[in-house]
Amino acid sequence: SKMEAEGRGGEGKLEVRWAGPEDVPLILQYIKELAEYEKLAHQVVATEELLKETLFGSRKVAEVLLASWDAQDVGFSLFFHNFSTFLGRPGLYVEDLYVRPDFRGKGIGKTLLTFLARLAQERGCGRMEWWVLEWKSPSIEFYKGLGAVPMDDWTVFRLVGDTLNNLASLPP
């Protein structure tokens, strides 16, 4: 299904649609643009082949929405389901939400999040969540304005590369 909306003040036409395998080059481009914006471009190792397999292969692990403004590609959101044992229900985790700089302030990010919130409800999710870099104060204020609450009492932990391999290689 697709979602269409008029831009703020009647300017422009926004369309949100599901990505397909043919969109993988665009998805990778968005990932690189977001990483550049977040000053993390050096961490991107994703390839088109890897994205094709993980997003559209036999075991899909995430889904992607694409946004266009007057038929121009302007942004995306990549998300997947997690699970809350406390709620006993799935959650919707937003890994990436990105709108190209020239198109910010037109309601595109809010429309993508609204689409995701409706999807979370349709799929019986108990919550929707995402991480945001602490220095991105405009984003933080935007999310708070939508009613999102920061999880200040929680710290994120990560194993990657050698640390993941080291733990995996320990005897049981």
C-alpha atoms as a PDB file:
ATOM      1  CA  SER A   1       0.000   0.000   0.000  1.00  0.00           C
ATOM      2  CA  LYS A   2       0.990   3.577  -0.610  1.00  0.00           C
ATOM      3  CA  MET A   3       0.416   6.800   1.263  1.00  0.00           C
ATOM      4  CA  GLU A   4       0.048  10.158  -0.461  1.00  0.00           C
ATOM      5  CA  ALA A   5      -0.163  13.572   1.151  1.00  0.00           C
ATOM      6  CA  GLU A   6      -0.112  17.207   0.141  1.00  0.00           C
ATOM      7  CA  GLY A   7       2.917  19.158   1.288  1.00  0.00           C
ATOM      8  CA  ARG A   8       2.642  21.943   3.849  1.00  0.00           C
ATOM      9  CA  GLY A   9       0.717  24.888   2.480  1.00  0.00           C
ATOM     10  CA  GLY A  10      -0.312  22.885  -0.587  1.00  0.00           C
ATOM     11  CA  GLU A  11       3.231  22.921  -1.990  1.00  0.00           C
ATOM     12  CA  GLY A  12       4.433  19.645  -3.442  1.00  0.00           C
ATOM     13  CA  LYS A  13       3.062  16.127  -3.357  1.00  0.00           C
ATOM     14  CA  LEU A  14       4.533  13.595  -0.957  1.00  0.00           C
ATOM     15  CA  GLU A  15       4.339   9.870  -1.634  1.00  0.00           C
ATOM     16  CA  VAL A  16       5.460   7.065   0.689  1.00  0.00           C
ATOM     17  CA  ARG A  17       5.828   3.589  -0.790  1.00  0.00           C
ATOM     18  CA  TRP A  18       7.357   0.211   0.013  1.00  0.00           C
ATOM     19  CA  ALA A  19      10.826  -0.395  -1.403  1.00  0.00           C
ATOM     20  CA  GLY A  20      11.495  -3.318  -3.725  1.00  0.00           C
ATOM     21  CA  PRO A  21      14.695  -5.066  -4.855  1.00  0.00           C
ATOM     22  CA  GLU A  22      15.069  -2.536  -7.690  1.00  0.00           C
ATOM     23  CA  ASP A  23      15.457   0.212  -5.054  1.00  0.00           C
ATOM     24  CA  VAL A  24      18.587  -1.244  -3.437  1.00  0.00           C
ATOM     25  CA  PRO A  25      21.005   1.261  -5.091  1.00  0.00           C
ATOM     26  CA  LEU A  26      18.864   4.149  -3.787  1.00  0.00           C
ATOM     27  CA  ILE A  27      18.653   2.588  -0.296  1.00  0.00           C
ATOM     28  CA  LEU A  28      22.445   2.252  -0.172  1.00  0.00           C
ATOM     29  CA  GLN A  29      22.802   5.862  -1.345  1.00  0.00           C
ATOM     30  CA  TYR A  30      20.502   7.017   1.484  1.00  0.00           C
ATOM     31  CA  ILE A  31      22.481   4.960   4.019  1.00  0.00           C
ATOM     32  CA  LYS A  32      25.693   6.639   2.853  1.00  0.00           C
ATOM     33  CA  GLU A  33      24.127  10.125   2.952  1.00  0.00           C
ATOM     34  CA  LEU A  34      22.809   9.526   6.476  1.00  0.00           C
ATOM     35  CA  ALA A  35      26.201   8.208   7.618  1.00  0.00           C
ATOM     36  CA  GLU A  36      27.889  11.289   6.131  1.00  0.00           C
ATOM     37  CA  TYR A  37      25.431  13.568   7.959  1.00  0.00           C
ATOM     38  CA  GLU A  38      26.060  11.690  11.227  1.00  0.00           C
ATOM     39  CA  LYS A  39      29.857  11.878  10.668  1.00  0.00           C
ATOM     40  CA  LEU A  40      29.979   8.063  10.550  1.00  0.00           C
ATOM     41  CA  ALA A  41      30.629   7.435   6.832  1.00  0.00           C
ATOM     42  CA  HIS A  42      33.784   5.457   7.654  1.00  0.00           C
ATOM     43  CA  GLN A  43      31.587   2.810   9.335  1.00  0.00           C
ATOM     44  CA  VAL A  44      29.487   1.950   6.261  1.00  0.00           C
ATOM     45  CA  VAL A  45      30.466  -1.434   4.817  1.00  0.00           C
ATOM     46  CA  ALA A  46      27.036  -2.368   3.404  1.00  0.00           C
ATOM     47  CA  THR A  47      26.929  -3.319  -0.287  1.00  0.00           C
ATOM     48  CA  GLU A  48      24.088  -3.630  -2.777  1.00  0.00           C
ATOM     49  CA  GLU A  49      24.493  -7.437  -2.758  1.00  0.00           C
ATOM     50  CA  LEU A  50      24.282  -7.602   1.037  1.00  0.00           C
ATOM     51  CA  LEU A  51      21.226  -5.329   1.134  1.00  0.00           C
ATOM     52  CA  LYS A  52      19.491  -7.354  -1.605  1.00  0.00           C
ATOM     53  CA  GLU A  53      19.961 -10.510   0.448  1.00  0.00           C
ATOM     54  CA  THR A  54      19.016  -9.089   3.866  1.00  0.00           C
ATOM     55  CA  LEU A  55      16.094  -6.924   2.715  1.00  0.00           C
ATOM     56  CA  PHE A  56      14.637  -8.968  -0.134  1.00  0.00           C
ATOM     57  CA  GLY A  57      16.195 -12.459   0.081  1.00  0.00           C
ATOM     58  CA  SER A  58      14.810 -15.667   1.540  1.00  0.00           C
ATOM     59  CA  ARG A  59      15.013 -14.361   5.133  1.00  0.00           C
ATOM     60  CA  LYS A  60      14.050 -10.701   5.135  1.00  0.00           C
ATOM     61  CA  VAL A  61      15.310  -9.059   8.326  1.00  0.00           C
ATOM     62  CA  ALA A  62      14.131  -5.473   7.768  1.00  0.00           C
ATOM     63  CA  GLU A  63      11.705  -3.432   5.678  1.00  0.00           C
ATOM     64  CA  VAL A  64      12.113  -0.110   3.902  1.00  0.00           C
ATOM     65  CA  LEU A  65       9.798   2.790   3.102  1.00  0.00           C
ATOM     66  CA  LEU A  66      10.761   5.358   0.474  1.00  0.00           C
ATOM     67  CA  ALA A  67       9.535   8.941   0.303  1.00  0.00           C
ATOM     68  CA  SER A  68       9.305  11.062  -2.808  1.00  0.00           C
ATOM     69  CA  TRP A  69       8.365  14.735  -3.188  1.00  0.00           C
ATOM     70  CA  ASP A  70       6.893  15.673  -6.561  1.00  0.00           C
ATOM     71  CA  ALA A  71       8.363  12.392  -7.895  1.00  0.00           C
ATOM     72  CA  GLN A  72      11.865  13.223  -6.569  1.00  0.00           C
ATOM     73  CA  ASP A  73      13.506  10.732  -4.199  1.00  0.00           C
ATOM     74  CA  VAL A  74      13.844  12.543  -0.868  1.00  0.00           C
ATOM     75  CA  GLY A  75      14.116  10.083   2.011  1.00  0.00           C
ATOM     76  CA  PHE A  76      13.644   6.686   3.564  1.00  0.00           C
ATOM     77  CA  SER A  77      13.049   4.717   6.708  1.00  0.00           C
ATOM     78  CA  LEU A  78      14.433   1.261   7.449  1.00  0.00           C
ATOM     79  CA  PHE A  79      12.812  -0.659  10.299  1.00  0.00           C
ATOM     80  CA  PHE A  80      12.324  -4.129  11.775  1.00  0.00           C
ATOM     81  CA  HIS A  81      10.485  -5.842  14.606  1.00  0.00           C
ATOM     82  CA  ASN A  82      11.900  -6.454  18.038  1.00  0.00           C
ATOM     83  CA  PHE A  83      10.033  -7.876  21.030  1.00  0.00           C
ATOM     84  CA  SER A  84       9.067  -6.620  24.478  1.00  0.00           C
ATOM     85  CA  THR A  85       8.897  -9.421  27.029  1.00  0.00           C
ATOM     86  CA  PHE A  86       7.284  -7.000  29.495  1.00  0.00           C
ATOM     87  CA  LEU A  87       4.476  -6.179  27.050  1.00  0.00           C
ATOM     88  CA  GLY A  88       4.414  -9.689  25.568  1.00  0.00           C
ATOM     89  CA  ARG A  89       4.144  -8.074  22.126  1.00  0.00           C
ATOM     90  CA  PRO A  90       6.361  -7.126  19.216  1.00  0.00           C
ATOM     91  CA  GLY A  91       7.770  -3.649  18.864  1.00  0.00           C
ATOM     92  CA  LEU A  92       8.705  -1.682  15.789  1.00  0.00           C
ATOM     93  CA  TYR A  93      12.310  -0.491  15.808  1.00  0.00           C
ATOM     94  CA  VAL A  94      13.215   2.358  13.442  1.00  0.00           C
ATOM     95  CA  GLU A  95      16.859   1.837  12.459  1.00  0.00           C
ATOM     96  CA  ASP A  96      17.030   4.743  10.014  1.00  0.00           C
ATOM     97  CA  LEU A  97      14.907   7.788   9.282  1.00  0.00           C
ATOM     98  CA  TYR A  98      16.458  10.150   6.755  1.00  0.00           C
ATOM     99  CA  VAL A  99      15.240  13.090   4.715  1.00  0.00           C
ATOM    100  CA  ARG A 100      17.624  14.853   2.333  1.00  0.00           C
ATOM    101  CA  PRO A 101      18.622  18.298   3.717  1.00  0.00           C
ATOM    102  CA  ASP A 102      16.959  20.341   0.941  1.00  0.00           C
ATOM    103  CA  PHE A 103      13.605  18.716   1.741  1.00  0.00           C
ATOM    104  CA  ARG A 104      13.569  19.008   5.539  1.00  0.00           C
ATOM    105  CA  GLY A 105      10.825  21.053   7.166  1.00  0.00           C
ATOM    106  CA  LYS A 106       8.155  19.891   4.713  1.00  0.00           C
ATOM    107  CA  GLY A 107       6.590  17.269   7.008  1.00  0.00           C
ATOM    108  CA  ILE A 108       8.281  14.308   5.286  1.00  0.00           C
ATOM    109  CA  GLY A 109       9.893  12.868   8.433  1.00  0.00           C
ATOM    110  CA  LYS A 110       6.645  13.275  10.370  1.00  0.00           C
ATOM    111  CA  THR A 111       4.722  11.541   7.568  1.00  0.00           C
ATOM    112  CA  LEU A 112       7.166   8.602   7.563  1.00  0.00           C
ATOM    113  CA  LEU A 113       6.863   8.268  11.360  1.00  0.00           C
ATOM    114  CA  THR A 114       3.061   8.519  11.141  1.00  0.00           C
ATOM    115  CA  PHE A 115       3.038   5.736   8.528  1.00  0.00           C
ATOM    116  CA  LEU A 116       5.240   3.623  10.831  1.00  0.00           C
ATOM    117  CA  ALA A 117       3.041   4.326  13.883  1.00  0.00           C
ATOM    118  CA  ARG A 118      -0.040   3.167  11.956  1.00  0.00           C
ATOM    119  CA  LEU A 119       1.830   0.087  10.761  1.00  0.00           C
ATOM    120  CA  ALA A 120       2.898  -0.668  14.350  1.00  0.00           C
ATOM    121  CA  GLN A 121      -0.755  -0.499  15.431  1.00  0.00           C
ATOM    122  CA  GLU A 122      -1.908  -2.691  12.515  1.00  0.00           C
ATOM    123  CA  ARG A 123       0.726  -5.297  13.406  1.00  0.00           C
ATOM    124  CA  GLY A 124      -0.188  -5.350  17.108  1.00  0.00           C
ATOM    125  CA  CYS A 125       3.044  -3.746  18.298  1.00  0.00           C
ATOM    126  CA  GLY A 126       3.186  -2.496  21.867  1.00  0.00           C
ATOM    127  CA  ARG A 127       5.708   0.228  21.121  1.00  0.00           C
ATOM    128  CA  MET A 128       7.836   1.963  18.529  1.00  0.00           C
ATOM    129  CA  GLU A 129      11.360   3.088  19.295  1.00  0.00           C
ATOM    130  CA  TRP A 130      14.619   4.366  17.819  1.00  0.00           C
ATOM    131  CA  TRP A 131      17.989   5.774  18.825  1.00  0.00           C
ATOM    132  CA  VAL A 132      19.177   9.303  18.149  1.00  0.00           C
ATOM    133  CA  LEU A 133      22.682  10.732  18.488  1.00  0.00           C
ATOM    134  CA  GLU A 134      22.901  13.054  21.491  1.00  0.00           C
ATOM    135  CA  TRP A 135      24.261  15.990  19.433  1.00  0.00           C
ATOM    136  CA  LYS A 136      21.230  16.017  17.113  1.00  0.00           C
ATOM    137  CA  SER A 137      19.183  18.441  19.215  1.00  0.00           C
ATOM    138  CA  PRO A 138      16.795  19.539  16.405  1.00  0.00           C
ATOM    139  CA  SER A 139      15.868  15.862  15.901  1.00  0.00           C
ATOM    140  CA  ILE A 140      15.482  15.311  19.646  1.00  0.00           C
ATOM    141  CA  GLU A 141      13.153  18.299  19.961  1.00  0.00           C
ATOM    142  CA  PHE A 142      11.181  17.099  16.923  1.00  0.00           C
ATOM    143  CA  TYR A 143      10.723  13.626  18.457  1.00  0.00           C
ATOM    144  CA  LYS A 144       9.722  15.075  21.843  1.00  0.00           C
ATOM    145  CA  GLY A 145       7.174  17.225  20.016  1.00  0.00           C
ATOM    146  CA  LEU A 146       5.605  14.016  18.684  1.00  0.00           C
ATOM    147  CA  GLY A 147       5.286  12.691  22.241  1.00  0.00           C
ATOM    148  CA  ALA A 148       8.340  10.398  22.171  1.00  0.00           C
ATOM    149  CA  VAL A 149      10.138  10.008  25.495  1.00  0.00           C
ATOM    150  CA  PRO A 150      13.936   9.636  25.824  1.00  0.00           C
ATOM    151  CA  MET A 151      15.037   6.485  27.682  1.00  0.00           C
ATOM    152  CA  ASP A 152      17.637   8.249  29.834  1.00  0.00           C
ATOM    153  CA  ASP A 153      17.992   5.368  32.310  1.00  0.00           C
ATOM    154  CA  TRP A 154      19.197   2.943  29.615  1.00  0.00           C
ATOM    155  CA  THR A 155      22.644   2.467  28.058  1.00  0.00           C
ATOM    156  CA  VAL A 156      23.146   0.744  24.721  1.00  0.00           C
ATOM    157  CA  PHE A 157      25.766  -2.026  24.539  1.00  0.00           C
ATOM    158  CA  ARG A 158      27.229  -3.426  21.329  1.00  0.00           C
ATOM    159  CA  LEU A 159      29.500  -6.238  20.218  1.00  0.00           C
ATOM    160  CA  VAL A 160      30.890  -5.982  16.686  1.00  0.00           C
ATOM    161  CA  GLY A 161      33.758  -7.531  14.728  1.00  0.00           C
ATOM    162  CA  ASP A 162      36.443  -8.974  17.002  1.00  0.00           C
ATOM    163  CA  THR A 163      34.449  -8.478  20.211  1.00  0.00           C
ATOM    164  CA  LEU A 164      31.507 -10.421  18.751  1.00  0.00           C
ATOM    165  CA  ASN A 165      33.833 -13.142  17.435  1.00  0.00           C
ATOM    166  CA  ASN A 166      35.643 -13.386  20.787  1.00  0.00           C
ATOM    167  CA  LEU A 167      32.417 -13.880  22.738  1.00  0.00           C
ATOM    168  CA  ALA A 168      31.074 -16.376  20.183  1.00  0.00           C
ATOM    169  CA  SER A 169      34.260 -18.436  20.426  1.00  0.00           C
ATOM    170  CA  LEU A 170      34.123 -18.863  24.233  1.00  0.00           C
ATOM    171  CA  PRO A 171      33.306 -22.376  25.447  1.00  0.00           C
ATOM    172  CA  PRO A 172      29.714 -22.741  26.697  1.00  0.00           C
END
